[in-house]
All heavy atoms as atom14 arrays in JSON, in Angstrom:
{
  "sequence": "HRHTAHQIQRLEGMFKECPHPDEKQRLQLSRELGLAPRQIKFWFQN",
  "atom14_mask": [
    [1, 1, 1, 1, 1, 1, 1, 1, 1, 1, 0, 0, 0, 0],
    [1, 1, 1, 1, 1, 1, 1, 1, 1, 1, 1, 0, 0, 0],
    [1, 1, 1, 1, 1, 1, 1, 1, 1, 1, 0, 0, 0, 0],
    [1, 1, 1, 1, 1, 1, 1, 0, 0, 0, 0, 0, 0, 0],
    [1, 1, 1, 1, 1, 0, 0, 0, 0, 0, 0, 0, 0, 0],
    [1, 1, 1, 1, 1, 1, 1, 1, 1, 1, 0, 0, 0, 0],
    [1, 1, 1, 1, 1, 1, 1, 1, 1, 0, 0, 0, 0, 0],
    [1, 1, 1, 1, 1, 1, 1, 1, 0, 0, 0, 0, 0, 0],
    [1, 1, 1, 1, 1, 1, 1, 1, 1, 0, 0, 0, 0, 0],
    [1, 1, 1, 1, 1, 1, 1, 1, 1, 1, 1, 0, 0, 0],
    [1, 1, 1, 1, 1, 1, 1, 1, 0, 0, 0, 0, 0, 0],
    [1, 1, 1, 1, 1, 1, 1, 1, 1, 0, 0, 0, 0, 0],
    [1, 1, 1, 1, 0, 0, 0, 0, 0, 0, 0, 0, 0, 0],
    [1, 1, 1, 1, 1, 1, 1, 1, 0, 0, 0, 0, 0, 0],
    [1, 1, 1, 1, 1, 1, 1, 1, 1, 1, 1, 0, 0, 0],
    [1, 1, 1, 1, 1, 1, 1, 1, 1, 0, 0, 0, 0, 0],
    [1, 1, 1, 1, 1, 1, 1, 1, 1, 0, 0, 0, 0, 0],
    [1, 1, 1, 1, 1, 1, 0, 0, 0, 0, 0, 0, 0, 0],
    [1, 1, 1, 1, 1, 1, 1, 0, 0, 0, 0, 0, 0, 0],
    [1, 1, 1, 1, 1, 1, 1, 1, 1, 1, 0, 0, 0, 0],
    [1, 1, 1, 1, 1, 1, 1, 0, 0, 0, 0, 0, 0, 0],
    [1, 1, 1, 1, 1, 1, 1, 1, 0, 0, 0, 0, 0, 0],
    [1, 1, 1, 1, 1, 1, 1, 1, 1, 0, 0, 0, 0, 0],
    [1, 1, 1, 1, 1, 1, 1, 1, 1, 0, 0, 0, 0, 0],
    [1, 1, 1, 1, 1, 1, 1, 1, 1, 0, 0, 0, 0, 0],
    [1, 1, 1, 1, 1, 1, 1, 1, 1, 1, 1, 0, 0, 0],
    [1, 1, 1, 1, 1, 1, 1, 1, 0, 0, 0, 0, 0, 0],
    [1, 1, 1, 1, 1, 1, 1, 1, 1, 0, 0, 0, 0, 0],
    [1, 1, 1, 1, 1, 1, 1, 1, 0, 0, 0, 0, 0, 0],
    [1, 1, 1, 1, 1, 1, 0, 0, 0, 0, 0, 0, 0, 0],
    [1, 1, 1, 1, 1, 1, 1, 1, 1, 1, 1, 0, 0, 0],
    [1, 1, 1, 1, 1, 1, 1, 1, 1, 0, 0, 0, 0, 0],
    [1, 1, 1, 1, 1, 1, 1, 1, 0, 0, 0, 0, 0, 0],
    [1, 1, 1, 1, 0, 0, 0, 0, 0, 0, 0, 0, 0, 0],
    [1, 1, 1, 1, 1, 1, 1, 1, 0, 0, 0, 0, 0, 0],
    [1, 1, 1, 1, 1, 0, 0, 0, 0, 0, 0, 0, 0, 0],
    [1, 1, 1, 1, 1, 1, 1, 0, 0, 0, 0, 0, 0, 0],
    [1, 1, 1, 1, 1, 1, 1, 1, 1, 1, 1, 0, 0, 0],
    [1, 1, 1, 1, 1, 1, 1, 1, 1, 0, 0, 0, 0, 0],
    [1, 1, 1, 1, 1, 1, 1, 1, 0, 0, 0, 0, 0, 0],
    [1, 1, 1, 1, 1, 1, 1, 1, 1, 0, 0, 0, 0, 0],
    [1, 1, 1, 1, 1, 1, 1, 1, 1, 1, 1, 0, 0, 0],
    [1, 1, 1, 1, 1, 1, 1, 1, 1, 1, 1, 1, 1, 1],
    [1, 1, 1, 1, 1, 1, 1, 1, 1, 1, 1, 0, 0, 0],
    [1, 1, 1, 1, 1, 1, 1, 1, 1, 0, 0, 0, 0, 0],
    [1, 1, 1, 1, 1, 1, 1, 1, 0, 0, 0, 0, 0, 0]
  ],
  "atom14_positions": [
    [[37.67, 43.93, 43.75], [37.13, 43.18, 42.62], [36.15, 44.04, 41.82], [35.33, 44.75, 42.39], [36.38, 41.94, 43.14], [35.7, 41.16, 42.05], [36.38, 40.33, 41.19], [34.39, 41.11, 41.69], [35.52, 39.79, 40.34], [34.32, 40.25, 40.62], [0.0, 0.0, 0.0], [0.0, 0.0, 0.0], [0.0, 0.0, 0.0], [0.0, 0.0, 0.0]],
    [[36.26, 43.98, 40.5], [35.28, 44.62, 39.62], [34.53, 43.54, 38.86], [35.11, 42.53, 38.46], [35.97, 45.56, 38.62], [36.45, 46.87, 39.23], [36.91, 47.8, 38.13], [37.38, 49.06, 38.68], [36.59, 50.09, 38.99], [35.28, 49.97, 38.78], [37.09, 51.2, 39.48], [0.0, 0.0, 0.0], [0.0, 0.0, 0.0], [0.0, 0.0, 0.0]],
    [[33.22, 43.79, 38.65], [32.41, 42.82, 37.91], [32.74, 42.88, 36.43], [33.06, 43.94, 35.88], [30.92, 43.11, 38.1], [30.47, 42.96, 39.52], [30.93, 41.97, 40.34], [29.58, 43.69, 40.26], [30.37, 42.07, 41.52], [29.54, 43.13, 41.5], [0.0, 0.0, 0.0], [0.0, 0.0, 0.0], [0.0, 0.0, 0.0], [0.0, 0.0, 0.0]],
    [[32.59, 41.75, 35.78], [32.75, 41.71, 34.32], [31.48, 42.24, 33.67], [30.42, 42.36, 34.29], [33.0, 40.27, 33.84], [31.83, 39.48, 34.12], [34.2, 39.65, 34.56], [0.0, 0.0, 0.0], [0.0, 0.0, 0.0], [0.0, 0.0, 0.0], [0.0, 0.0, 0.0], [0.0, 0.0, 0.0], [0.0, 0.0, 0.0], [0.0, 0.0, 0.0]],
    [[31.6, 42.55, 32.38], [30.44, 43.06, 31.63], [29.32, 42.02, 31.63], [28.13, 42.37, 31.74], [30.86, 43.4, 30.19], [0.0, 0.0, 0.0], [0.0, 0.0, 0.0], [0.0, 0.0, 0.0], [0.0, 0.0, 0.0], [0.0, 0.0, 0.0], [0.0, 0.0, 0.0], [0.0, 0.0, 0.0], [0.0, 0.0, 0.0], [0.0, 0.0, 0.0]],
    [[29.71, 40.73, 31.49], [28.68, 39.67, 31.49], [27.95, 39.61, 32.82], [26.72, 39.47, 32.88], [29.34, 38.31, 31.2], [28.42, 37.14, 31.45], [27.33, 36.88, 30.65], [28.43, 36.19, 32.44], [26.7, 35.81, 31.13], [27.34, 35.38, 32.22], [0.0, 0.0, 0.0], [0.0, 0.0, 0.0], [0.0, 0.0, 0.0], [0.0, 0.0, 0.0]],
    [[28.69, 39.73, 33.92], [28.06, 39.68, 35.24], [27.1, 40.85, 35.44], [25.97, 40.68, 35.91], [29.14, 39.7, 36.32], [29.94, 38.4, 36.43], [31.12, 38.54, 37.37], [31.65, 39.63, 37.56], [31.56, 37.41, 37.94], [0.0, 0.0, 0.0], [0.0, 0.0, 0.0], [0.0, 0.0, 0.0], [0.0, 0.0, 0.0], [0.0, 0.0, 0.0]],
    [[27.54, 42.04, 35.05], [26.67, 43.21, 35.21], [25.42, 43.09, 34.35], [24.31, 43.41, 34.78], [27.45, 44.5, 34.85], [28.56, 44.74, 35.89], [26.52, 45.7, 34.78], [29.47, 45.91, 35.58], [0.0, 0.0, 0.0], [0.0, 0.0, 0.0], [0.0, 0.0, 0.0], [0.0, 0.0, 0.0], [0.0, 0.0, 0.0], [0.0, 0.0, 0.0]],
    [[25.61, 42.58, 33.1], [24.46, 42.42, 32.2], [23.45, 41.44, 32.8], [22.23, 41.68, 32.78], [24.93, 41.93, 30.83], [23.81, 41.81, 29.8], [24.34, 41.36, 28.44], [25.5, 41.0, 28.3], [23.47, 41.36, 27.45], [0.0, 0.0, 0.0], [0.0, 0.0, 0.0], [0.0, 0.0, 0.0], [0.0, 0.0, 0.0], [0.0, 0.0, 0.0]],
    [[23.94, 40.34, 33.37], [23.02, 39.35, 33.96], [22.33, 39.89, 35.21], [21.13, 39.68, 35.42], [23.83, 38.09, 34.32], [22.99, 36.99, 34.95], [22.0, 36.4, 33.96], [21.18, 35.36, 34.58], [19.98, 35.56, 35.12], [19.46, 36.79, 35.11], [19.31, 34.56, 35.65], [0.0, 0.0, 0.0], [0.0, 0.0, 0.0], [0.0, 0.0, 0.0]],
    [[23.09, 40.63, 36.04], [22.5, 41.21, 37.24], [21.45, 42.27, 36.89], [20.39, 42.34, 37.53], [23.6, 41.82, 38.11], [24.55, 40.83, 38.8], [25.75, 41.55, 39.38], [23.8, 40.08, 39.9], [0.0, 0.0, 0.0], [0.0, 0.0, 0.0], [0.0, 0.0, 0.0], [0.0, 0.0, 0.0], [0.0, 0.0, 0.0], [0.0, 0.0, 0.0]],
    [[21.76, 43.09, 35.87], [20.79, 44.11, 35.45], [19.5, 43.46, 34.94], [18.39, 43.92, 35.22], [21.39, 45.0, 34.36], [22.45, 45.96, 34.84], [21.87, 47.16, 35.56], [20.63, 47.26, 35.66], [22.65, 47.99, 36.04], [0.0, 0.0, 0.0], [0.0, 0.0, 0.0], [0.0, 0.0, 0.0], [0.0, 0.0, 0.0], [0.0, 0.0, 0.0]],
    [[19.65, 42.38, 34.16], [18.47, 41.67, 33.66], [17.62, 41.12, 34.78], [16.38, 41.2, 34.76], [0.0, 0.0, 0.0], [0.0, 0.0, 0.0], [0.0, 0.0, 0.0], [0.0, 0.0, 0.0], [0.0, 0.0, 0.0], [0.0, 0.0, 0.0], [0.0, 0.0, 0.0], [0.0, 0.0, 0.0], [0.0, 0.0, 0.0], [0.0, 0.0, 0.0]],
    [[18.29, 40.57, 35.78], [17.56, 40.03, 36.93], [16.88, 41.15, 37.72], [15.76, 41.0, 38.21], [18.52, 39.25, 37.84], [17.85, 38.6, 39.04], [16.67, 37.33, 38.52], [16.02, 36.85, 40.13], [0.0, 0.0, 0.0], [0.0, 0.0, 0.0], [0.0, 0.0, 0.0], [0.0, 0.0, 0.0], [0.0, 0.0, 0.0], [0.0, 0.0, 0.0]],
    [[17.55, 42.31, 37.82], [16.99, 43.43, 38.58], [15.68, 43.93, 37.96], [14.75, 44.31, 38.67], [18.01, 44.56, 38.64], [17.55, 45.74, 39.45], [17.73, 45.75, 40.83], [16.94, 46.83, 38.86], [17.31, 46.82, 41.6], [16.52, 47.9, 39.62], [16.7, 47.9, 40.99], [0.0, 0.0, 0.0], [0.0, 0.0, 0.0], [0.0, 0.0, 0.0]],
    [[15.62, 43.93, 36.63], [14.4, 44.37, 35.96], [13.23, 43.44, 36.28], [12.09, 43.87, 36.41], [14.61, 44.43, 34.45], [15.55, 45.55, 34.02], [15.74, 45.56, 32.5], [16.7, 46.67, 32.07], [16.91, 46.67, 30.6], [0.0, 0.0, 0.0], [0.0, 0.0, 0.0], [0.0, 0.0, 0.0], [0.0, 0.0, 0.0], [0.0, 0.0, 0.0]],
    [[13.53, 42.14, 36.39], [12.48, 41.17, 36.68], [12.12, 41.15, 38.16], [10.94, 41.04, 38.52], [12.92, 39.76, 36.27], [13.18, 39.61, 34.78], [13.7, 38.22, 34.42], [13.76, 37.36, 35.32], [14.04, 38.02, 33.26], [0.0, 0.0, 0.0], [0.0, 0.0, 0.0], [0.0, 0.0, 0.0], [0.0, 0.0, 0.0], [0.0, 0.0, 0.0]],
    [[13.13, 41.27, 39.02], [12.89, 41.13, 40.46], [13.92, 41.95, 41.23], [15.04, 41.48, 41.46], [12.95, 39.66, 40.86], [12.7, 39.39, 42.62], [0.0, 0.0, 0.0], [0.0, 0.0, 0.0], [0.0, 0.0, 0.0], [0.0, 0.0, 0.0], [0.0, 0.0, 0.0], [0.0, 0.0, 0.0], [0.0, 0.0, 0.0], [0.0, 0.0, 0.0]],
    [[13.58, 43.19, 41.62], [14.55, 44.03, 42.34], [14.83, 43.54, 43.76], [15.79, 43.99, 44.38], [13.89, 45.41, 42.36], [12.53, 45.25, 41.82], [12.34, 43.9, 41.3], [0.0, 0.0, 0.0], [0.0, 0.0, 0.0], [0.0, 0.0, 0.0], [0.0, 0.0, 0.0], [0.0, 0.0, 0.0], [0.0, 0.0, 0.0], [0.0, 0.0, 0.0]],
    [[13.99, 42.67, 44.29], [14.18, 42.14, 45.65], [14.28, 40.61, 45.6], [13.35, 39.91, 45.99], [13.03, 42.56, 46.56], [12.96, 44.03, 46.82], [13.59, 44.63, 47.88], [12.33, 45.03, 46.14], [13.36, 45.93, 47.85], [12.6, 46.2, 46.81], [0.0, 0.0, 0.0], [0.0, 0.0, 0.0], [0.0, 0.0, 0.0], [0.0, 0.0, 0.0]],
    [[15.37, 40.05, 45.09], [15.46, 38.59, 45.0], [15.55, 37.96, 46.39], [16.12, 38.54, 47.31], [16.76, 38.35, 44.22], [17.58, 39.57, 44.51], [16.61, 40.7, 44.63], [0.0, 0.0, 0.0], [0.0, 0.0, 0.0], [0.0, 0.0, 0.0], [0.0, 0.0, 0.0], [0.0, 0.0, 0.0], [0.0, 0.0, 0.0], [0.0, 0.0, 0.0]],
    [[14.95, 36.77, 46.52], [15.05, 36.06, 47.79], [16.37, 35.29, 47.86], [17.19, 35.3, 46.94], [13.85, 35.13, 47.99], [13.68, 34.14, 46.85], [14.69, 33.81, 46.18], [12.55, 33.71, 46.6], [0.0, 0.0, 0.0], [0.0, 0.0, 0.0], [0.0, 0.0, 0.0], [0.0, 0.0, 0.0], [0.0, 0.0, 0.0], [0.0, 0.0, 0.0]],
    [[16.57, 34.6, 48.97], [17.85, 33.9, 49.2], [18.1, 32.83, 48.14], [19.24, 32.67, 47.66], [17.84, 33.26, 50.6], [19.17, 32.62, 50.97], [19.16, 32.07, 52.38], [18.13, 32.24, 53.07], [20.18, 31.48, 52.79], [0.0, 0.0, 0.0], [0.0, 0.0, 0.0], [0.0, 0.0, 0.0], [0.0, 0.0, 0.0], [0.0, 0.0, 0.0]],
    [[17.03, 32.14, 47.74], [17.2, 31.09, 46.73], [17.66, 31.66, 45.4], [18.55, 31.12, 44.73], [15.87, 30.33, 46.56], [15.94, 29.18, 45.58], [14.58, 28.47, 45.5], [14.63, 27.33, 44.48], [13.32, 26.64, 44.38], [0.0, 0.0, 0.0], [0.0, 0.0, 0.0], [0.0, 0.0, 0.0], [0.0, 0.0, 0.0], [0.0, 0.0, 0.0]],
    [[17.07, 32.8, 45.02], [17.46, 33.44, 43.75], [18.89, 33.98, 43.82], [19.63, 33.91, 42.84], [16.47, 34.57, 43.43], [15.08, 34.07, 43.07], [14.08, 35.22, 42.97], [14.0, 36.07, 43.86], [13.32, 35.25, 41.9], [0.0, 0.0, 0.0], [0.0, 0.0, 0.0], [0.0, 0.0, 0.0], [0.0, 0.0, 0.0], [0.0, 0.0, 0.0]],
    [[19.29, 34.5, 45.0], [20.66, 35.0, 45.13], [21.68, 33.86, 45.05], [22.75, 34.02, 44.44], [20.8, 35.76, 46.46], [20.03, 37.07, 46.51], [20.55, 37.97, 47.63], [20.43, 37.37, 48.94], [19.38, 37.53, 49.74], [18.36, 38.28, 49.34], [19.35, 36.96, 50.94], [0.0, 0.0, 0.0], [0.0, 0.0, 0.0], [0.0, 0.0, 0.0]],
    [[21.36, 32.72, 45.64], [22.26, 31.57, 45.55], [22.41, 31.09, 44.12], [23.49, 30.7, 43.66], [21.74, 30.43, 46.44], [21.89, 30.65, 47.96], [21.2, 29.55, 48.72], [23.37, 30.72, 48.34], [0.0, 0.0, 0.0], [0.0, 0.0, 0.0], [0.0, 0.0, 0.0], [0.0, 0.0, 0.0], [0.0, 0.0, 0.0], [0.0, 0.0, 0.0]],
    [[21.3, 31.09, 43.37], [21.35, 30.66, 41.97], [22.23, 31.6, 41.14], [23.06, 31.16, 40.33], [19.93, 30.62, 41.39], [19.87, 30.13, 39.94], [18.45, 30.1, 39.42], [17.51, 30.23, 40.17], [18.32, 29.9, 38.13], [0.0, 0.0, 0.0], [0.0, 0.0, 0.0], [0.0, 0.0, 0.0], [0.0, 0.0, 0.0], [0.0, 0.0, 0.0]],
    [[22.07, 32.93, 41.39], [22.92, 33.9, 40.69], [24.38, 33.72, 41.1], [25.29, 33.86, 40.28], [22.46, 35.32, 41.01], [21.25, 35.84, 40.24], [20.82, 37.19, 40.8], [21.58, 35.97, 38.76], [0.0, 0.0, 0.0], [0.0, 0.0, 0.0], [0.0, 0.0, 0.0], [0.0, 0.0, 0.0], [0.0, 0.0, 0.0], [0.0, 0.0, 0.0]],
    [[24.61, 33.42, 42.36], [25.98, 33.23, 42.86], [26.67, 32.09, 42.12], [27.81, 32.22, 41.67], [25.94, 32.94, 44.36], [27.22, 32.59, 44.82], [0.0, 0.0, 0.0], [0.0, 0.0, 0.0], [0.0, 0.0, 0.0], [0.0, 0.0, 0.0], [0.0, 0.0, 0.0], [0.0, 0.0, 0.0], [0.0, 0.0, 0.0], [0.0, 0.0, 0.0]],
    [[25.96, 30.98, 41.98], [26.55, 29.84, 41.26], [26.74, 30.15, 39.78], [27.74, 29.77, 39.16], [25.64, 28.62, 41.43], [25.65, 28.03, 42.85], [24.94, 26.68, 42.89], [23.54, 26.81, 42.57], [22.59, 26.96, 43.5], [22.91, 27.02, 44.79], [21.33, 27.07, 43.14], [0.0, 0.0, 0.0], [0.0, 0.0, 0.0], [0.0, 0.0, 0.0]],
    [[25.79, 30.86, 39.21], [25.84, 31.14, 37.77], [26.96, 32.12, 37.4], [27.62, 31.95, 36.37], [24.48, 31.71, 37.33], [24.39, 32.03, 35.85], [23.04, 32.62, 35.5], [22.08, 32.4, 36.26], [22.96, 33.31, 34.47], [0.0, 0.0, 0.0], [0.0, 0.0, 0.0], [0.0, 0.0, 0.0], [0.0, 0.0, 0.0], [0.0, 0.0, 0.0]],
    [[27.22, 33.12, 38.28], [28.17, 34.18, 37.94], [29.51, 34.04, 38.66], [30.41, 34.84, 38.44], [27.55, 35.54, 38.29], [26.25, 35.88, 37.56], [25.72, 37.22, 38.04], [26.44, 35.88, 36.05], [0.0, 0.0, 0.0], [0.0, 0.0, 0.0], [0.0, 0.0, 0.0], [0.0, 0.0, 0.0], [0.0, 0.0, 0.0], [0.0, 0.0, 0.0]],
    [[29.6, 33.04, 39.54], [30.86, 32.85, 40.26], [31.13, 33.94, 41.28], [32.29, 34.3, 41.51], [0.0, 0.0, 0.0], [0.0, 0.0, 0.0], [0.0, 0.0, 0.0], [0.0, 0.0, 0.0], [0.0, 0.0, 0.0], [0.0, 0.0, 0.0], [0.0, 0.0, 0.0], [0.0, 0.0, 0.0], [0.0, 0.0, 0.0], [0.0, 0.0, 0.0]],
    [[30.07, 34.51, 41.87], [30.2, 35.54, 42.89], [29.68, 35.01, 44.22], [28.82, 34.12, 44.25], [29.4, 36.79, 42.49], [29.84, 37.5, 41.21], [28.86, 38.6, 40.85], [31.24, 38.08, 41.38], [0.0, 0.0, 0.0], [0.0, 0.0, 0.0], [0.0, 0.0, 0.0], [0.0, 0.0, 0.0], [0.0, 0.0, 0.0], [0.0, 0.0, 0.0]],
    [[30.15, 35.59, 45.31], [29.66, 35.19, 46.63], [28.23, 35.71, 46.83], [27.87, 36.76, 46.28], [30.58, 35.76, 47.72], [0.0, 0.0, 0.0], [0.0, 0.0, 0.0], [0.0, 0.0, 0.0], [0.0, 0.0, 0.0], [0.0, 0.0, 0.0], [0.0, 0.0, 0.0], [0.0, 0.0, 0.0], [0.0, 0.0, 0.0], [0.0, 0.0, 0.0]],
    [[27.42, 35.0, 47.59], [26.04, 35.47, 47.84], [25.99, 36.87, 48.43], [25.1, 37.64, 48.09], [25.49, 34.42, 48.84], [26.3, 33.19, 48.58], [27.67, 33.66, 48.2], [0.0, 0.0, 0.0], [0.0, 0.0, 0.0], [0.0, 0.0, 0.0], [0.0, 0.0, 0.0], [0.0, 0.0, 0.0], [0.0, 0.0, 0.0], [0.0, 0.0, 0.0]],
    [[26.96, 37.22, 49.28], [26.96, 38.57, 49.84], [27.24, 39.62, 48.77], [26.73, 40.74, 48.83], [28.01, 38.68, 50.95], [27.58, 38.04, 52.26], [28.59, 38.27, 53.35], [28.13, 37.74, 54.61], [27.36, 38.39, 55.48], [26.96, 39.61, 55.17], [26.99, 37.84, 56.61], [0.0, 0.0, 0.0], [0.0, 0.0, 0.0], [0.0, 0.0, 0.0]],
    [[28.07, 39.26, 47.79], [28.31, 40.2, 46.68], [27.01, 40.46, 45.91], [26.72, 41.59, 45.52], [29.39, 39.63, 45.74], [30.8, 39.64, 46.33], [31.79, 39.04, 45.37], [31.77, 37.83, 45.14], [32.65, 39.86, 44.8], [0.0, 0.0, 0.0], [0.0, 0.0, 0.0], [0.0, 0.0, 0.0], [0.0, 0.0, 0.0], [0.0, 0.0, 0.0]],
    [[26.28, 39.38, 45.67], [24.98, 39.53, 44.99], [24.06, 40.43, 45.81], [23.41, 41.35, 45.28], [24.32, 38.14, 44.78], [25.23, 37.21, 43.97], [22.97, 38.3, 44.11], [25.45, 37.65, 42.55], [0.0, 0.0, 0.0], [0.0, 0.0, 0.0], [0.0, 0.0, 0.0], [0.0, 0.0, 0.0], [0.0, 0.0, 0.0], [0.0, 0.0, 0.0]],
    [[24.01, 40.15, 47.11], [23.15, 40.94, 47.99], [23.54, 42.41, 47.97], [22.69, 43.3, 47.84], [23.24, 40.39, 49.41], [22.38, 41.12, 50.42], [22.52, 40.5, 51.8], [21.68, 41.25, 52.82], [21.82, 40.66, 54.17], [0.0, 0.0, 0.0], [0.0, 0.0, 0.0], [0.0, 0.0, 0.0], [0.0, 0.0, 0.0], [0.0, 0.0, 0.0]],
    [[24.86, 42.72, 48.06], [25.31, 44.11, 48.05], [25.01, 44.79, 46.73], [24.66, 45.97, 46.68], [26.82, 44.18, 48.34], [27.18, 43.82, 49.76], [28.39, 43.21, 50.04], [26.31, 44.1, 50.79], [28.72, 42.89, 51.34], [26.63, 43.79, 52.09], [27.84, 43.17, 52.38], [0.0, 0.0, 0.0], [0.0, 0.0, 0.0], [0.0, 0.0, 0.0]],
    [[25.17, 44.05, 45.63], [24.91, 44.67, 44.32], [23.45, 45.12, 44.22], [23.16, 46.23, 43.77], [25.23, 43.68, 43.2], [25.2, 44.34, 41.84], [26.22, 44.91, 41.16], [24.03, 44.5, 41.02], [25.8, 45.43, 39.97], [24.44, 45.2, 39.85], [22.7, 44.15, 41.15], [23.57, 45.53, 38.84], [21.81, 44.47, 40.14], [22.25, 45.15, 38.99]],
    [[22.51, 44.25, 44.65], [21.1, 44.6, 44.55], [20.75, 45.75, 45.51], [19.94, 46.62, 45.17], [20.22, 43.38, 44.84], [19.99, 42.52, 43.62], [20.83, 41.47, 43.32], [18.94, 42.79, 42.76], [20.63, 40.69, 42.19], [18.72, 42.02, 41.64], [19.57, 40.96, 41.33], [0.0, 0.0, 0.0], [0.0, 0.0, 0.0], [0.0, 0.0, 0.0]],
    [[21.34, 45.76, 46.7], [21.1, 46.87, 47.61], [21.55, 48.18, 47.01], [20.85, 49.2, 47.06], [21.84, 46.62, 48.93], [21.21, 45.55, 49.82], [22.03, 45.31, 51.06], [23.17, 45.74, 51.16], [21.46, 44.57, 52.01], [0.0, 0.0, 0.0], [0.0, 0.0, 0.0], [0.0, 0.0, 0.0], [0.0, 0.0, 0.0], [0.0, 0.0, 0.0]],
    [[22.74, 48.17, 46.39], [23.29, 49.37, 45.77], [22.44, 49.82, 44.59], [22.2, 51.01, 44.4], [24.73, 49.1, 45.32], [25.37, 50.34, 44.72], [25.57, 51.32, 45.4], [25.67, 50.28, 43.44], [0.0, 0.0, 0.0], [0.0, 0.0, 0.0], [0.0, 0.0, 0.0], [0.0, 0.0, 0.0], [0.0, 0.0, 0.0], [0.0, 0.0, 0.0]]
  ]
}
């Protein structure tokens, strides 16, 4: 799977605000972008 431009843009924006999101923030991003919580977690780690 490759992320869409919209997903990457939203993740980058979140990273600038909070490079270490907690579980609640990752779940919110998961619902918003249609990605699994583990995908969100891996993206921020990377």
